[in-house]
Amino acid sequence: MPRLKCIVEYDGTKFAGWQRQLNGRSVQEAIEQAIERIAEKKIVIFGAGRTDTGVHAVHQVFHFDFNKDIDVKKITDALNFHLKNESISILKTELINNDFDARRDAKLRIYKYVII
């Protein structure tokens, strides 16, 4: 089963953070639902880190195992199609080694705080 690494950016204004929540829609939930429309089965994604409610990301990495071989360009386009109303954009998708872990293999995390 191929493992895919994605780079995503999103406007977190309407989300209850990255991680799935009992109360409130999360970025993870929105992306998983988009992938499930393509895969036609439940898929869990694993992010390099989490953001809180209302926080945006410009280069968040996540990975998931896909249930079939697929052209990475096509999956990027398909995900962006399903996410077009969610303020989420998949910037890049690539096949990666099956031992890659987005959280554990992260080499750098940068946070920028802007107070308006």
C-alpha atoms as a PDB file:
ATOM      1  CA  MET A   1       0.000   0.000   0.000  1.00  0.00           C
ATOM      2  CA  PRO A   2       1.635   3.286  -1.052  1.00  0.00           C
ATOM      3  CA  ARG A   3       2.359   5.968   1.548  1.00  0.00           C
ATOM      4  CA  LEU A   4       1.814   9.547   0.459  1.00  0.00           C
ATOM      5  CA  LYS A   5       3.268  12.727   1.934  1.00  0.00           C
ATOM      6  CA  CYS A   6       1.312  15.940   1.411  1.00  0.00           C
ATOM      7  CA  ILE A   7       2.078  19.580   2.028  1.00  0.00           C
ATOM      8  CA  VAL A   8      -1.005  21.614   2.837  1.00  0.00           C
ATOM      9  CA  GLU A   9      -1.908  25.201   3.636  1.00  0.00           C
ATOM     10  CA  TYR A  10      -5.145  26.371   5.170  1.00  0.00           C
ATOM     11  CA  ASP A  11      -7.067  29.237   6.672  1.00  0.00           C
ATOM     12  CA  GLY A  12      -7.990  27.926  10.101  1.00  0.00           C
ATOM     13  CA  THR A  13     -10.616  30.578  10.858  1.00  0.00           C
ATOM     14  CA  LYS A  14     -13.586  28.213  10.637  1.00  0.00           C
ATOM     15  CA  PHE A  15     -11.847  25.134  12.065  1.00  0.00           C
ATOM     16  CA  ALA A  16     -11.494  23.822  15.609  1.00  0.00           C
ATOM     17  CA  GLY A  17      -7.801  23.182  14.982  1.00  0.00           C
ATOM     18  CA  TRP A  18      -5.923  20.499  13.067  1.00  0.00           C
ATOM     19  CA  GLN A  19      -6.838  17.408  15.088  1.00  0.00           C
ATOM     20  CA  ARG A  20     -10.226  15.682  14.934  1.00  0.00           C
ATOM     21  CA  GLN A  21     -12.556  17.031  17.636  1.00  0.00           C
ATOM     22  CA  LEU A  22     -15.779  15.826  19.208  1.00  0.00           C
ATOM     23  CA  ASN A  23     -17.212  19.345  19.018  1.00  0.00           C
ATOM     24  CA  GLY A  24     -16.305  21.301  15.921  1.00  0.00           C
ATOM     25  CA  ARG A  25     -14.947  20.641  12.468  1.00  0.00           C
ATOM     26  CA  SER A  26     -11.186  20.093  12.165  1.00  0.00           C
ATOM     27  CA  VAL A  27      -8.761  20.403   9.273  1.00  0.00           C
ATOM     28  CA  GLN A  28      -7.863  16.720   9.674  1.00  0.00           C
ATOM     29  CA  GLU A  29     -11.523  15.720   9.399  1.00  0.00           C
ATOM     30  CA  ALA A  30     -12.043  17.787   6.236  1.00  0.00           C
ATOM     31  CA  ILE A  31      -8.959  16.303   4.545  1.00  0.00           C
ATOM     32  CA  GLU A  32      -9.822  12.748   5.589  1.00  0.00           C
ATOM     33  CA  GLN A  33     -13.318  13.133   4.153  1.00  0.00           C
ATOM     34  CA  ALA A  34     -11.848  14.358   0.854  1.00  0.00           C
ATOM     35  CA  ILE A  35      -9.438  11.403   0.700  1.00  0.00           C
ATOM     36  CA  GLU A  36     -12.248   8.979   1.564  1.00  0.00           C
ATOM     37  CA  ARG A  37     -14.271  10.233  -1.409  1.00  0.00           C
ATOM     38  CA  ILE A  38     -11.378   9.213  -3.662  1.00  0.00           C
ATOM     39  CA  ALA A  39     -10.358   6.015  -1.836  1.00  0.00           C
ATOM     40  CA  GLU A  40     -13.942   4.887  -1.206  1.00  0.00           C
ATOM     41  CA  LYS A  41     -12.889   3.712   2.266  1.00  0.00           C
ATOM     42  CA  LYS A  42     -11.934   5.211   5.632  1.00  0.00           C
ATOM     43  CA  ILE A  43      -8.466   6.788   5.647  1.00  0.00           C
ATOM     44  CA  VAL A  44      -6.614   8.292   8.628  1.00  0.00           C
ATOM     45  CA  ILE A  45      -4.003  11.007   8.094  1.00  0.00           C
ATOM     46  CA  PHE A  46      -1.093  11.791  10.401  1.00  0.00           C
ATOM     47  CA  GLY A  47       0.077  15.389  10.728  1.00  0.00           C
ATOM     48  CA  ALA A  48       3.536  16.701  11.590  1.00  0.00           C
ATOM     49  CA  GLY A  49       1.963  18.829  14.304  1.00  0.00           C
ATOM     50  CA  ARG A  50      -1.275  20.399  15.423  1.00  0.00           C
ATOM     51  CA  THR A  51      -2.737  23.854  15.281  1.00  0.00           C
ATOM     52  CA  ASP A  52      -5.310  25.319  17.632  1.00  0.00           C
ATOM     53  CA  THR A  53      -8.723  26.725  16.819  1.00  0.00           C
ATOM     54  CA  GLY A  54      -8.545  29.534  14.271  1.00  0.00           C
ATOM     55  CA  VAL A  55      -4.836  29.072  13.513  1.00  0.00           C
ATOM     56  CA  HIS A  56      -3.627  29.031   9.899  1.00  0.00           C
ATOM     57  CA  ALA A  57      -0.833  26.978   8.314  1.00  0.00           C
ATOM     58  CA  VAL A  58       1.288  27.651   5.243  1.00  0.00           C
ATOM     59  CA  HIS A  59       3.379  24.456   5.033  1.00  0.00           C
ATOM     60  CA  GLN A  60       1.844  21.702   7.184  1.00  0.00           C
ATOM     61  CA  VAL A  61       2.988  18.153   6.360  1.00  0.00           C
ATOM     62  CA  PHE A  62       0.898  15.015   6.762  1.00  0.00           C
ATOM     63  CA  HIS A  63       1.049  11.445   5.529  1.00  0.00           C
ATOM     64  CA  PHE A  64      -1.382   8.620   4.905  1.00  0.00           C
ATOM     65  CA  ASP A  65      -1.478   5.165   3.401  1.00  0.00           C
ATOM     66  CA  PHE A  66      -3.577   4.917   0.262  1.00  0.00           C
ATOM     67  CA  ASN A  67      -5.426   1.778  -0.748  1.00  0.00           C
ATOM     68  CA  LYS A  68      -4.422   1.733  -4.412  1.00  0.00           C
ATOM     69  CA  ASP A  69      -1.798   2.966  -6.841  1.00  0.00           C
ATOM     70  CA  ILE A  70      -2.561   6.450  -8.131  1.00  0.00           C
ATOM     71  CA  ASP A  71      -0.792   9.242  -9.960  1.00  0.00           C
ATOM     72  CA  VAL A  72       0.235  11.792  -7.311  1.00  0.00           C
ATOM     73  CA  LYS A  73      -0.675  14.729  -9.571  1.00  0.00           C
ATOM     74  CA  LYS A  74      -4.166  13.303  -9.994  1.00  0.00           C
ATOM     75  CA  ILE A  75      -4.638  12.810  -6.264  1.00  0.00           C
ATOM     76  CA  THR A  76      -3.476  16.385  -5.575  1.00  0.00           C
ATOM     77  CA  ASP A  77      -5.965  17.723  -8.120  1.00  0.00           C
ATOM     78  CA  ALA A  78      -8.759  15.479  -6.810  1.00  0.00           C
ATOM     79  CA  LEU A  79      -8.143  16.504  -3.196  1.00  0.00           C
ATOM     80  CA  ASN A  80      -8.112  20.190  -4.114  1.00  0.00           C
ATOM     81  CA  PHE A  81     -11.379  19.695  -5.996  1.00  0.00           C
ATOM     82  CA  HIS A  82     -13.032  18.173  -2.908  1.00  0.00           C
ATOM     83  CA  LEU A  83     -11.500  20.799  -0.601  1.00  0.00           C
ATOM     84  CA  LYS A  84     -12.276  23.850  -2.750  1.00  0.00           C
ATOM     85  CA  ASN A  85     -14.952  25.144  -0.345  1.00  0.00           C
ATOM     86  CA  GLU A  86     -12.922  24.419   2.796  1.00  0.00           C
ATOM     87  CA  SER A  87     -10.107  27.050   2.637  1.00  0.00           C
ATOM     88  CA  ILE A  88      -7.660  24.136   2.416  1.00  0.00           C
ATOM     89  CA  SER A  89      -5.169  23.657  -0.413  1.00  0.00           C
ATOM     90  CA  ILE A  90      -2.899  20.679  -1.052  1.00  0.00           C
ATOM     91  CA  LEU A  91       0.325  22.194  -2.401  1.00  0.00           C
ATOM     92  CA  LYS A  92       2.222  18.994  -3.132  1.00  0.00           C
ATOM     93  CA  THR A  93       1.801  15.231  -2.902  1.00  0.00           C
ATOM     94  CA  GLU A  94       4.585  12.696  -3.251  1.00  0.00           C
ATOM     95  CA  LEU A  95       5.151   8.981  -2.799  1.00  0.00           C
ATOM     96  CA  ILE A  96       7.329   8.385   0.244  1.00  0.00           C
ATOM     97  CA  ASN A  97       8.977   5.415   1.960  1.00  0.00           C
ATOM     98  CA  ASN A  98       6.570   3.396   4.097  1.00  0.00           C
ATOM     99  CA  ASP A  99       8.645   4.116   7.209  1.00  0.00           C
ATOM    100  CA  PHE A 100       8.176   7.910   6.838  1.00  0.00           C
ATOM    101  CA  ASP A 101       6.251   9.498   9.712  1.00  0.00           C
ATOM    102  CA  ALA A 102       5.237  13.153   9.327  1.00  0.00           C
ATOM    103  CA  ARG A 103       5.493  13.889  13.054  1.00  0.00           C
ATOM    104  CA  ARG A 104       8.585  11.890  13.978  1.00  0.00           C
ATOM    105  CA  ASP A 105      10.562  12.775  10.842  1.00  0.00           C
ATOM    106  CA  ALA A 106       9.931  16.533  11.021  1.00  0.00           C
ATOM    107  CA  LYS A 107      13.242  18.378  11.043  1.00  0.00           C
ATOM    108  CA  LEU A 108      11.913  21.866  11.715  1.00  0.00           C
ATOM    109  CA  ARG A 109       8.809  23.607  12.991  1.00  0.00           C
ATOM    110  CA  ILE A 110       8.378  27.355  12.681  1.00  0.00           C
ATOM    111  CA  TYR A 111       5.615  29.301  14.384  1.00  0.00           C
ATOM    112  CA  LYS A 112       4.791  32.907  13.586  1.00  0.00           C
ATOM    113  CA  TYR A 113       2.514  34.809  15.942  1.00  0.00           C
ATOM    114  CA  VAL A 114       0.752  37.881  14.625  1.00  0.00           C
ATOM    115  CA  ILE A 115      -1.367  39.981  16.943  1.00  0.00           C
ATOM    116  CA  ILE A 116      -3.722  42.424  15.297  1.00  0.00           C
END
